[in-house]
Amino acid sequence: MHSVEKIAFIGTGVMGFAMASNLLKKGFKLKVYNRTRAKAEPLAALGATVCDSVAEAVRDADVAISIVGMVSDVEETWLGADGILKNLPRGAIGVDMTTSSPSLARRLATKGEMLGLEIMDAPVTGGDVGARNGTLTILCGGRESTFKTLTPVFEGMGRTWVRFGEAGAGQLAKAANQIAIAAGMMALCESMVFAKKSGLDVPLLLETLGKGAAGSFSMQSYGPRILKGDFKPGFFVKHFVKDLRIALEVAQEHGLYLEGTALALKLYETLMQKGLSEAGTQALYRYYTRDFA
């Protein structure tokens, strides 16, 4: 395959809707599917065809992209009778951009190869802001030739795309990313709680620290949201829990115990128990303030 024109896009949630929108703006022809059809229908105004099944969306696609929620959703989307692998035309490319299991990514690539398909795992980082602005970082695993073919597609959604190796390598890179983010969000929330209890001007502190060594994406993007009491999801707590569990499972396979990541998982699991599974990851601040109302 030397060109990509027709894309099937599966999953139009917080991230997927913005990513699909940007691809439409770049001139790609999109067929879209979401389990809750109402979340996909606004894309029709941008030129997308809204489909009633995964099979309908992917049947004549050059590239099929999925970004769904849980590992079980990836399995259903790709391996079910109505799924991508059984309905994507031979010679096409499949790209799973969900944060998922490296072992599942390798399994999909192997099954895809048997069916004459090229499969790549390409989870993203950059949150809802990066998705809207088309500035995501895309972490890829799969064949070099597939990666090169997908360059114009990645250009439509991101600012940086890097191939880390064969199938599963993108998911491993995303696990490393989530490990770093977990520690960073804990640090941000603890810093803000400390500053508030100490009587400091927290907005002034964030503005100042953001210019120094403590500055981070989390501080710049989520610090202001926390100050406003905005805990709406750029990335769901429930999905972050899934990601951290995957990271710890892989770490265990390598004989590693990651204390910071394990602690972050425990704190986020507490948020889920308190009914905050669909809040944004910045809701960790509410753990430290015991604000679970």
Protein backbone atom coordinates (compact mmCIF):
# COMPACT_ATOMS: atom_id res chain seq x y z
CA MET A 1 0.00 0.00 0.00
CA HIS A 2 1.42 3.37 -1.01
CA SER A 3 -1.39 5.79 -0.21
CA VAL A 4 -4.14 6.18 2.36
CA GLU A 5 -7.47 7.76 1.48
CA LYS A 6 -10.22 5.85 3.28
CA ILE A 7 -10.03 5.48 7.06
CA ALA A 8 -12.34 3.60 9.40
CA PHE A 9 -12.27 5.18 12.86
CA ILE A 10 -13.62 3.13 15.76
CA GLY A 11 -14.21 4.90 19.07
CA THR A 12 -15.25 8.54 19.29
CA GLY A 13 -14.93 9.27 22.99
CA VAL A 14 -13.00 12.11 24.62
CA MET A 15 -9.86 11.41 22.57
CA GLY A 16 -11.22 9.68 19.48
CA PHE A 17 -13.75 12.36 18.54
CA ALA A 18 -11.06 15.05 18.35
CA MET A 19 -8.63 12.77 16.52
CA ALA A 20 -11.24 11.81 13.92
CA SER A 21 -12.18 15.47 13.51
CA ASN A 22 -8.59 16.39 12.72
CA LEU A 23 -8.29 13.61 10.14
CA LEU A 24 -11.45 14.88 8.42
CA LYS A 25 -10.00 18.38 8.34
CA LYS A 26 -6.91 16.93 6.63
CA GLY A 27 -9.10 15.60 3.82
CA PHE A 28 -9.28 11.91 4.65
CA LYS A 29 -12.53 10.08 3.95
CA LEU A 30 -13.77 8.64 7.24
CA LYS A 31 -16.31 6.05 8.22
CA VAL A 32 -16.81 6.15 11.99
CA TYR A 33 -18.37 3.85 14.54
CA ASN A 34 -19.05 4.23 18.24
CA ARG A 35 -21.11 1.94 20.46
CA THR A 36 -23.10 4.99 21.53
CA ARG A 37 -24.02 6.31 18.09
CA ALA A 38 -24.90 9.79 19.39
CA LYS A 39 -21.23 10.39 20.24
CA ALA A 40 -20.24 9.81 16.60
CA GLU A 41 -23.10 11.59 14.83
CA PRO A 42 -21.68 15.15 15.13
CA LEU A 43 -18.78 14.01 12.89
CA ALA A 44 -21.25 13.70 10.01
CA ALA A 45 -21.32 17.50 9.83
CA LEU A 46 -17.59 17.37 9.08
CA GLY A 47 -18.09 14.83 6.30
CA ALA A 48 -17.83 11.47 8.07
CA THR A 49 -20.13 8.54 7.37
CA VAL A 50 -21.53 7.21 10.64
CA CYS A 51 -21.84 3.41 10.62
CA ASP A 52 -23.90 0.96 12.64
CA SER A 53 -21.16 -1.64 13.11
CA VAL A 54 -17.41 -2.10 13.11
CA ALA A 55 -17.72 -4.37 10.07
CA GLU A 56 -19.58 -1.73 8.08
CA ALA A 57 -16.96 0.88 8.93
CA VAL A 58 -13.87 -1.17 8.01
CA ARG A 59 -15.12 -3.18 5.02
CA ASP A 60 -13.46 -1.03 2.33
CA ALA A 61 -10.93 0.92 4.42
CA ASP A 62 -7.28 1.48 3.61
CA VAL A 63 -6.61 1.95 7.33
CA ALA A 64 -8.71 1.02 10.36
CA ILE A 65 -8.00 2.89 13.59
CA SER A 66 -9.39 2.05 17.02
CA ILE A 67 -9.20 3.97 20.27
CA VAL A 68 -11.56 2.38 22.76
CA GLY A 69 -11.61 2.00 26.54
CA MET A 70 -10.52 -1.25 28.14
CA VAL A 71 -8.47 -4.24 27.02
CA SER A 72 -11.71 -6.23 26.73
CA ASP A 73 -13.03 -3.54 24.36
CA VAL A 74 -9.92 -3.94 22.19
CA GLU A 75 -10.45 -7.70 22.06
CA GLU A 76 -14.10 -7.30 21.07
CA THR A 77 -13.35 -4.60 18.49
CA TRP A 78 -10.58 -6.58 16.82
CA LEU A 79 -11.34 -10.26 17.38
CA GLY A 80 -15.13 -10.47 17.39
CA ALA A 81 -17.17 -11.76 14.46
CA ASP A 82 -18.09 -8.16 13.70
CA GLY A 83 -14.53 -7.06 14.40
CA ILE A 84 -11.71 -5.46 12.47
CA LEU A 85 -9.60 -8.51 11.68
CA LYS A 86 -12.46 -10.47 10.11
CA ASN A 87 -13.74 -7.59 8.01
CA LEU A 88 -10.78 -5.40 7.02
CA PRO A 89 -9.76 -6.07 3.41
CA ARG A 90 -6.55 -7.97 2.75
CA GLY A 91 -3.57 -5.64 2.32
CA ALA A 92 -5.02 -2.94 4.57
CA ILE A 93 -3.50 -1.58 7.79
CA GLY A 94 -4.98 -1.80 11.27
CA VAL A 95 -3.85 0.56 14.03
CA ASP A 96 -4.87 0.20 17.66
CA MET A 97 -4.33 3.52 19.45
CA THR A 98 -5.89 2.38 22.72
CA THR A 99 -3.55 1.99 25.67
CA SER A 100 -3.66 -1.78 25.93
CA SER A 101 -1.65 -4.88 26.74
CA PRO A 102 1.66 -5.40 24.89
CA SER A 103 0.91 -9.12 24.67
CA LEU A 104 -2.47 -8.42 23.06
CA ALA A 105 -0.79 -6.06 20.59
CA ARG A 106 1.60 -8.85 19.59
CA ARG A 107 -1.30 -11.30 19.28
CA LEU A 108 -3.24 -8.95 17.01
CA ALA A 109 -0.18 -8.44 14.81
CA THR A 110 0.35 -12.19 14.47
CA LYS A 111 -3.30 -12.86 13.63
CA GLY A 112 -3.31 -9.94 11.23
CA GLU A 113 -0.28 -11.24 9.37
CA MET A 114 -2.03 -14.57 8.87
CA LEU A 115 -4.91 -12.66 7.24
CA GLY A 116 -2.69 -10.52 5.01
CA LEU A 117 -3.04 -7.42 7.18
CA GLU A 118 -0.44 -5.08 8.63
CA ILE A 119 -1.16 -4.28 12.28
CA MET A 120 0.49 -1.59 14.40
CA ASP A 121 0.03 -0.58 18.02
CA ALA A 122 0.18 3.19 18.38
CA PRO A 123 -1.10 4.49 21.73
CA VAL A 124 -0.98 8.23 22.26
CA THR A 125 -0.09 10.73 24.97
CA GLY A 126 -1.02 14.38 25.24
CA GLY A 127 -4.52 14.17 26.71
CA ASP A 128 -7.67 15.83 25.47
CA VAL A 129 -5.81 19.07 24.75
CA GLY A 130 -3.31 17.29 22.49
CA ALA A 131 -6.13 15.43 20.74
CA ARG A 132 -8.03 18.66 20.02
CA ASN A 133 -4.95 20.56 18.90
CA GLY A 134 -3.50 17.73 16.81
CA THR A 135 -0.32 17.72 18.90
CA LEU A 136 -0.38 14.20 20.29
CA THR A 137 2.74 12.09 20.72
CA ILE A 138 2.18 8.72 19.04
CA LEU A 139 4.15 5.71 20.34
CA CYS A 140 4.39 2.98 17.72
CA GLY A 141 5.18 -0.71 17.52
CA GLY A 142 5.20 -2.66 14.25
CA ARG A 143 6.96 -2.89 10.93
CA GLU A 144 9.06 0.02 9.70
CA SER A 145 7.32 -0.06 6.30
CA THR A 146 3.90 0.19 7.95
CA PHE A 147 5.10 3.06 10.11
CA LYS A 148 6.26 4.97 7.02
CA THR A 149 2.98 4.37 5.18
CA LEU A 150 1.09 5.82 8.13
CA THR A 151 3.09 9.07 8.26
CA PRO A 152 0.36 11.24 6.64
CA VAL A 153 -2.23 9.75 9.02
CA PHE A 154 -0.08 10.46 12.06
CA GLU A 155 0.55 13.98 10.76
CA GLY A 156 -3.19 14.54 10.93
CA MET A 157 -3.36 13.74 14.64
CA GLY A 158 -0.01 14.42 16.22
CA ARG A 159 3.14 16.45 16.38
CA THR A 160 5.51 13.59 17.22
CA TRP A 161 5.40 9.94 16.19
CA VAL A 162 8.14 7.46 16.99
CA ARG A 163 8.55 3.76 16.24
CA PHE A 164 10.05 1.89 19.21
CA GLY A 165 10.30 -1.54 17.63
CA GLU A 166 8.15 -4.46 16.56
CA ALA A 167 4.59 -5.21 17.64
CA GLY A 168 3.95 -4.40 21.30
CA ALA A 169 6.77 -1.87 21.57
CA GLY A 170 4.36 1.05 21.34
CA GLN A 171 2.37 -0.31 24.27
CA LEU A 172 5.55 -0.77 26.29
CA ALA A 173 6.50 2.85 25.61
CA LYS A 174 3.03 3.98 26.70
CA ALA A 175 3.34 1.98 29.92
CA ALA A 176 6.60 3.81 30.65
CA ASN A 177 4.80 7.09 29.92
CA GLN A 178 1.97 6.29 32.34
CA ILE A 179 4.47 5.36 35.07
CA ALA A 180 6.05 8.81 34.71
CA ILE A 181 2.68 10.58 34.63
CA ALA A 182 1.49 8.78 37.76
CA ALA A 183 4.40 10.06 39.81
CA GLY A 184 4.05 13.52 38.30
CA MET A 185 0.36 13.83 39.18
CA MET A 186 0.98 12.72 42.74
CA ALA A 187 3.76 15.29 43.04
CA LEU A 188 1.58 18.08 41.62
CA CYS A 189 -1.34 17.35 43.94
CA GLU A 190 0.86 17.03 47.02
CA SER A 191 2.63 20.28 46.17
CA MET A 192 -0.65 22.14 45.74
CA VAL A 193 -2.15 20.77 48.98
CA PHE A 194 1.04 21.66 50.86
CA ALA A 195 1.04 25.19 49.43
CA LYS A 196 -2.61 25.76 50.29
CA LYS A 197 -2.22 24.51 53.87
CA SER A 198 0.86 26.69 54.25
CA GLY A 199 -1.06 29.80 53.27
CA LEU A 200 0.75 30.41 49.99
CA ASP A 201 -0.80 31.98 46.90
CA VAL A 202 -1.26 28.72 44.97
CA PRO A 203 -1.90 30.26 41.50
CA LEU A 204 1.21 32.42 41.90
CA LEU A 205 3.19 29.41 43.06
CA LEU A 206 2.16 27.31 40.05
CA GLU A 207 3.01 30.14 37.67
CA THR A 208 6.44 30.52 39.28
CA LEU A 209 7.33 26.85 39.68
CA GLY A 210 6.16 26.12 36.15
CA LYS A 211 9.10 28.16 34.87
CA GLY A 212 11.65 26.13 36.80
CA ALA A 213 12.79 22.56 37.33
CA ALA A 214 9.42 21.56 38.83
CA GLY A 215 7.54 22.58 35.68
CA SER A 216 5.68 19.83 33.82
CA PHE A 217 2.82 19.18 31.44
CA SER A 218 0.68 18.16 34.40
CA MET A 219 1.43 21.41 36.20
CA GLN A 220 0.67 23.54 33.14
CA SER A 221 -2.40 21.65 31.97
CA TYR A 222 -3.99 20.24 35.11
CA GLY A 223 -2.86 22.70 37.79
CA PRO A 224 -5.20 25.45 36.48
CA ARG A 225 -8.08 22.96 36.20
CA ILE A 226 -7.63 21.91 39.82
CA LEU A 227 -7.62 25.55 40.92
CA LYS A 228 -10.97 26.03 39.18
CA GLY A 229 -12.41 22.87 40.71
CA ASP A 230 -12.60 21.39 37.20
CA PHE A 231 -12.30 17.63 37.47
CA LYS A 232 -13.93 16.78 34.14
CA PRO A 233 -12.06 14.09 32.23
CA GLY A 234 -9.33 14.77 29.77
CA PHE A 235 -8.48 11.19 30.66
CA PHE A 236 -10.72 9.02 32.84
CA VAL A 237 -9.62 7.75 36.26
CA LYS A 238 -10.96 4.29 35.31
CA HIS A 239 -8.75 4.19 32.21
CA PHE A 240 -5.70 5.33 34.17
CA VAL A 241 -6.27 2.52 36.67
CA LYS A 242 -6.35 0.10 33.73
CA ASP A 243 -3.10 1.57 32.38
CA LEU A 244 -1.27 1.37 35.72
CA ARG A 245 -2.37 -2.23 36.19
CA ILE A 246 -0.94 -3.08 32.77
CA ALA A 247 2.33 -1.30 33.63
CA LEU A 248 2.69 -3.18 36.91
CA GLU A 249 1.89 -6.52 35.26
CA VAL A 250 4.63 -5.97 32.69
CA ALA A 251 7.03 -4.79 35.40
CA GLN A 252 6.34 -7.97 37.35
CA GLU A 253 7.15 -10.03 34.26
CA HIS A 254 10.58 -8.36 34.33
CA GLY A 255 11.06 -8.97 38.05
CA LEU A 256 10.49 -5.33 38.95
CA TYR A 257 8.43 -3.84 41.75
CA LEU A 258 7.66 -0.16 41.14
CA GLU A 259 6.74 1.32 44.52
CA GLY A 260 5.65 4.72 43.22
CA THR A 261 3.43 3.26 40.52
CA ALA A 262 1.91 0.79 42.97
CA LEU A 263 1.09 3.66 45.34
CA ALA A 264 -0.46 5.70 42.53
CA LEU A 265 -2.62 2.73 41.56
CA LYS A 266 -3.80 2.36 45.16
CA LEU A 267 -4.77 6.04 45.32
CA TYR A 268 -6.63 5.97 42.00
CA GLU A 269 -8.42 2.77 42.99
CA THR A 270 -9.61 4.64 46.08
CA LEU A 271 -11.05 7.35 43.82
CA MET A 272 -12.95 4.67 41.89
CA GLN A 273 -14.31 3.25 45.15
CA LYS A 274 -15.52 6.76 46.02
CA GLY A 275 -17.47 7.03 42.77
CA LEU A 276 -14.95 9.06 40.76
CA SER A 277 -14.14 6.52 38.05
CA GLU A 278 -15.31 8.90 35.30
CA ALA A 279 -13.59 11.99 36.68
CA GLY A 280 -10.34 13.21 35.14
CA THR A 281 -6.98 12.07 36.48
CA GLN A 282 -6.52 15.47 38.14
CA ALA A 283 -9.24 14.36 40.57
CA LEU A 284 -6.37 12.82 42.54
CA TYR A 285 -6.29 16.22 44.27
CA ARG A 286 -9.62 15.26 45.84
CA TYR A 287 -7.96 12.26 47.46
CA TYR A 288 -5.56 14.53 49.31
CA THR A 289 -8.31 16.94 50.35
CA ARG A 290 -10.70 14.06 51.15
CA ASP A 291 -13.30 15.73 48.95
CA PHE A 292 -15.37 12.80 47.76
CA ALA A 293 -18.76 14.52 47.76
